[in-house]
N, C-alpha and C. Protein backbone atom coordinates (compact mmCIF):
# COMPACT_ATOMS: atom_id res chain seq x y z
N UNK A 1 110.27 104.99 99.23
CA UNK A 1 109.01 106.03 98.33
C UNK A 1 108.83 107.01 99.06
N UNK A 2 108.96 108.07 98.72
CA UNK A 2 108.43 109.34 99.26
C UNK A 2 107.44 110.03 98.68
N UNK A 3 106.25 110.33 99.11
CA UNK A 3 105.13 111.16 98.43
C UNK A 3 105.09 112.02 99.18
N UNK A 4 105.06 113.43 98.65
CA UNK A 4 104.94 114.53 99.65
C UNK A 4 105.80 114.64 100.73
N UNK A 5 105.18 114.80 102.21
CA UNK A 5 106.15 114.57 103.33
C UNK A 5 105.96 113.57 104.11
N UNK A 6 105.07 113.08 103.25
CA UNK A 6 104.90 111.44 104.03
C UNK A 6 105.83 110.20 103.94
N UNK A 7 106.75 109.39 104.68
CA UNK A 7 107.31 108.59 104.41
C UNK A 7 106.73 107.41 104.61
N UNK A 8 106.75 106.43 103.21
CA UNK A 8 106.16 105.15 103.22
C UNK A 8 107.08 104.36 102.30
N UNK A 9 106.85 102.95 103.15
CA UNK A 9 107.79 101.94 102.20
C UNK A 9 106.76 100.67 102.29
N UNK A 10 106.63 100.08 101.41
CA UNK A 10 106.09 98.63 101.59
C UNK A 10 107.14 97.57 100.75
N UNK A 11 106.95 96.18 101.21
CA UNK A 11 107.33 95.24 100.55
C UNK A 11 107.46 93.96 101.14
N UNK A 12 107.78 93.21 100.10
CA UNK A 12 107.65 91.62 100.93
C UNK A 12 108.33 91.14 102.27
N UNK A 13 108.16 90.22 102.66
CA UNK A 13 108.93 90.19 104.08
C UNK A 13 109.34 88.26 104.01
N UNK A 14 109.92 87.75 104.65
CA UNK A 14 110.37 86.48 104.98
C UNK A 14 110.53 86.40 106.50
N UNK A 15 110.08 85.90 107.47
CA UNK A 15 110.13 85.27 108.80
C UNK A 15 110.48 83.96 108.93
N UNK A 16 111.38 83.73 109.71
CA UNK A 16 111.46 82.74 110.38
C UNK A 16 111.93 82.46 111.75
N UNK A 17 111.33 81.43 112.38
CA UNK A 17 111.64 81.50 113.92
C UNK A 17 110.58 80.19 114.18
N UNK A 18 110.19 80.44 115.49
CA UNK A 18 109.49 79.32 116.20
C UNK A 18 108.10 79.57 116.87
N UNK A 19 107.13 79.25 116.90
CA UNK A 19 106.23 79.44 117.57
C UNK A 19 105.43 78.31 118.53
N UNK A 20 105.32 78.24 119.45
CA UNK A 20 104.72 77.16 120.18
C UNK A 20 105.53 76.18 120.12
N UNK A 21 106.85 76.35 120.14
CA UNK A 21 108.18 75.38 120.21
C UNK A 21 108.20 74.60 118.92
N UNK A 22 107.55 75.01 117.96
CA UNK A 22 107.65 74.48 116.59
C UNK A 22 108.00 75.50 115.72
N UNK A 23 109.15 75.11 114.73
CA UNK A 23 110.14 76.08 113.75
C UNK A 23 109.03 76.56 112.86
N UNK A 24 109.12 77.67 112.11
CA UNK A 24 108.03 78.29 111.29
C UNK A 24 108.86 78.95 110.14
N UNK A 25 108.39 79.08 108.90
CA UNK A 25 109.03 79.78 108.14
C UNK A 25 107.53 80.32 107.54
N UNK A 26 107.33 81.97 107.25
CA UNK A 26 106.44 82.50 106.49
C UNK A 26 106.50 83.69 105.76
N UNK A 27 106.01 84.09 104.81
CA UNK A 27 105.91 85.03 104.01
C UNK A 27 105.15 85.90 104.48
N UNK A 28 105.01 87.17 103.90
CA UNK A 28 104.05 88.22 103.97
C UNK A 28 104.36 89.57 103.45
N UNK A 29 103.81 90.38 103.81
CA UNK A 29 103.83 91.91 102.97
C UNK A 29 103.50 92.91 103.90
N UNK A 30 104.53 93.76 104.21
CA UNK A 30 104.33 94.97 105.17
C UNK A 30 103.98 96.55 104.37
N UNK A 31 103.40 97.22 104.96
CA UNK A 31 103.57 98.97 104.74
C UNK A 31 103.64 99.20 105.96
N UNK A 32 104.70 100.47 105.75
CA UNK A 32 105.16 101.48 107.15
C UNK A 32 104.46 102.99 106.61
N UNK A 33 104.03 103.40 107.35
CA UNK A 33 103.45 104.63 106.65
C UNK A 33 103.74 105.64 107.87
N UNK A 34 104.37 107.23 107.61
CA UNK A 34 104.39 108.05 108.86
C UNK A 34 105.24 108.07 109.58
N UNK A 35 106.44 106.50 109.60
CA UNK A 35 107.20 107.05 110.56
C UNK A 35 108.71 108.12 110.42
N UNK A 36 109.24 108.44 111.55
CA UNK A 36 110.32 109.37 110.98
C UNK A 36 110.99 109.21 110.42
N UNK A 37 111.85 109.96 109.43
CA UNK A 37 112.89 109.42 108.52
C UNK A 37 113.96 110.90 108.54
N UNK A 38 115.52 110.62 108.23
CA UNK A 38 116.37 111.47 107.84
C UNK A 38 116.27 111.50 106.69
N UNK A 39 115.74 110.47 105.69
CA UNK A 39 115.49 110.75 104.39
C UNK A 39 114.31 111.27 103.64
N UNK A 40 114.64 112.63 103.36
CA UNK A 40 113.37 113.18 102.89
C UNK A 40 113.55 113.65 101.14
N UNK A 41 112.54 114.28 101.19
CA UNK A 41 112.27 114.52 99.71
C UNK A 41 113.64 115.30 98.87
N UNK A 42 114.16 116.34 99.34
CA UNK A 42 115.41 116.83 99.16
C UNK A 42 116.52 116.15 98.93
N UNK A 43 116.56 115.33 100.22
CA UNK A 43 117.72 114.12 99.90
C UNK A 43 117.48 113.52 98.67
N UNK A 44 116.32 112.61 98.46
CA UNK A 44 116.04 111.65 97.39
C UNK A 44 116.17 112.37 95.98
N UNK A 45 115.48 113.49 95.71
CA UNK A 45 116.10 114.30 94.72
C UNK A 45 117.53 114.73 94.35
N UNK A 46 118.18 114.95 95.01
CA UNK A 46 119.41 115.17 95.24
C UNK A 46 120.52 113.80 95.34
N UNK A 47 120.15 112.94 95.56
CA UNK A 47 120.75 111.28 94.88
C UNK A 47 120.34 111.22 94.16
N UNK A 48 119.09 111.12 93.22
CA UNK A 48 118.82 110.79 92.10
C UNK A 48 119.55 111.30 91.12
N UNK A 49 119.41 112.74 91.12
CA UNK A 49 119.99 113.78 90.06
C UNK A 49 121.84 113.41 90.21
N UNK A 50 122.14 113.25 91.52
CA UNK A 50 123.75 112.72 91.63
C UNK A 50 124.09 111.48 90.77
N UNK A 51 123.17 110.34 90.85
CA UNK A 51 122.99 109.31 90.45
C UNK A 51 123.19 109.46 88.82
N UNK A 52 122.17 110.35 88.25
CA UNK A 52 122.05 110.23 86.89
C UNK A 52 123.22 111.05 86.53
N UNK A 53 124.14 112.10 86.71
CA UNK A 53 124.67 112.68 86.67
C UNK A 53 126.16 112.02 86.47
N UNK A 54 126.27 110.90 87.52
CA UNK A 54 127.17 110.08 87.44
C UNK A 54 127.42 109.02 86.32
N UNK A 55 126.25 108.71 85.99
CA UNK A 55 126.04 107.95 84.62
C UNK A 55 126.71 108.53 83.35
N UNK A 56 125.99 109.67 83.23
CA UNK A 56 126.43 110.62 82.22
C UNK A 56 127.96 110.74 82.34
N UNK A 57 128.47 110.97 83.04
CA UNK A 57 129.80 111.53 83.24
C UNK A 57 130.54 109.98 82.69
N UNK A 58 130.12 108.95 83.29
CA UNK A 58 130.93 107.79 83.14
C UNK A 58 130.66 107.33 81.49
N UNK A 59 129.43 107.46 81.00
CA UNK A 59 129.53 107.17 79.23
C UNK A 59 130.16 108.64 79.05
N UNK A 60 130.19 109.55 79.22
CA UNK A 60 131.15 110.34 78.39
C UNK A 60 132.87 110.35 78.33
N UNK A 61 132.79 110.18 79.30
CA UNK A 61 134.41 109.42 79.69
C UNK A 61 134.68 108.22 78.59
N UNK A 62 133.83 107.28 78.80
CA UNK A 62 133.77 105.92 78.08
C UNK A 62 133.90 106.41 76.04
N UNK A 63 133.23 107.22 76.16
CA UNK A 63 133.34 107.68 74.76
C UNK A 63 134.41 108.78 73.95
N UNK A 64 134.84 109.18 75.21
CA UNK A 64 135.82 110.22 74.56
C UNK A 64 136.94 109.59 74.69
N UNK A 65 137.22 108.26 75.56
CA UNK A 65 138.36 107.50 75.39
C UNK A 65 138.44 106.92 73.97
N UNK A 66 137.01 106.31 73.88
CA UNK A 66 137.17 105.42 72.80
C UNK A 66 137.40 106.65 71.02
N UNK A 67 136.82 107.74 71.17
CA UNK A 67 136.99 108.65 70.25
C UNK A 67 138.34 108.68 69.50
N UNK A 68 139.44 108.88 71.30
CA UNK A 68 140.76 109.27 71.20
C UNK A 68 141.32 108.16 70.78
N UNK A 69 140.78 106.95 71.10
CA UNK A 69 141.93 105.76 70.58
C UNK A 69 141.73 105.60 69.15
N UNK A 70 139.98 105.81 68.60
CA UNK A 70 139.79 106.09 67.16
C UNK A 70 140.58 106.74 66.45
N UNK A 71 140.96 108.15 67.18
CA UNK A 71 141.83 109.06 66.46
C UNK A 71 143.26 108.75 66.28
N UNK A 72 143.72 107.82 67.21
CA UNK A 72 145.24 107.46 67.25
C UNK A 72 145.40 106.31 66.04
N UNK A 73 144.39 105.67 66.13
CA UNK A 73 144.31 104.62 64.87
C UNK A 73 144.36 104.98 63.26
N UNK A 74 143.70 105.94 63.40
CA UNK A 74 143.58 106.65 62.15
C UNK A 74 144.53 107.48 61.95
N UNK A 75 145.61 107.95 62.65
CA UNK A 75 146.90 108.90 62.64
C UNK A 75 147.99 107.66 62.41
N UNK A 76 147.96 107.00 63.60
CA UNK A 76 149.07 105.93 63.39
C UNK A 76 149.39 105.10 62.63
N UNK A 77 147.89 104.44 62.22
CA UNK A 77 147.83 103.35 61.14
C UNK A 77 146.92 102.20 61.94
């Protein structure tokens, strides 16, 4: 998640390991703020636009094929 130019991530985590010779399993929650990242706001927006455009293109292609099939059925019978 990006807010302005501050890189921010939060989410659950699961940890498995050993402590003082005993196996442990833990759950937790972590926040990371301000760490450098190559993924900036411009890249995020570009990626979101690309995903949305690809969805529309896919829908348009599927509907175009359906229209063609329906048209052929009406002509051929």
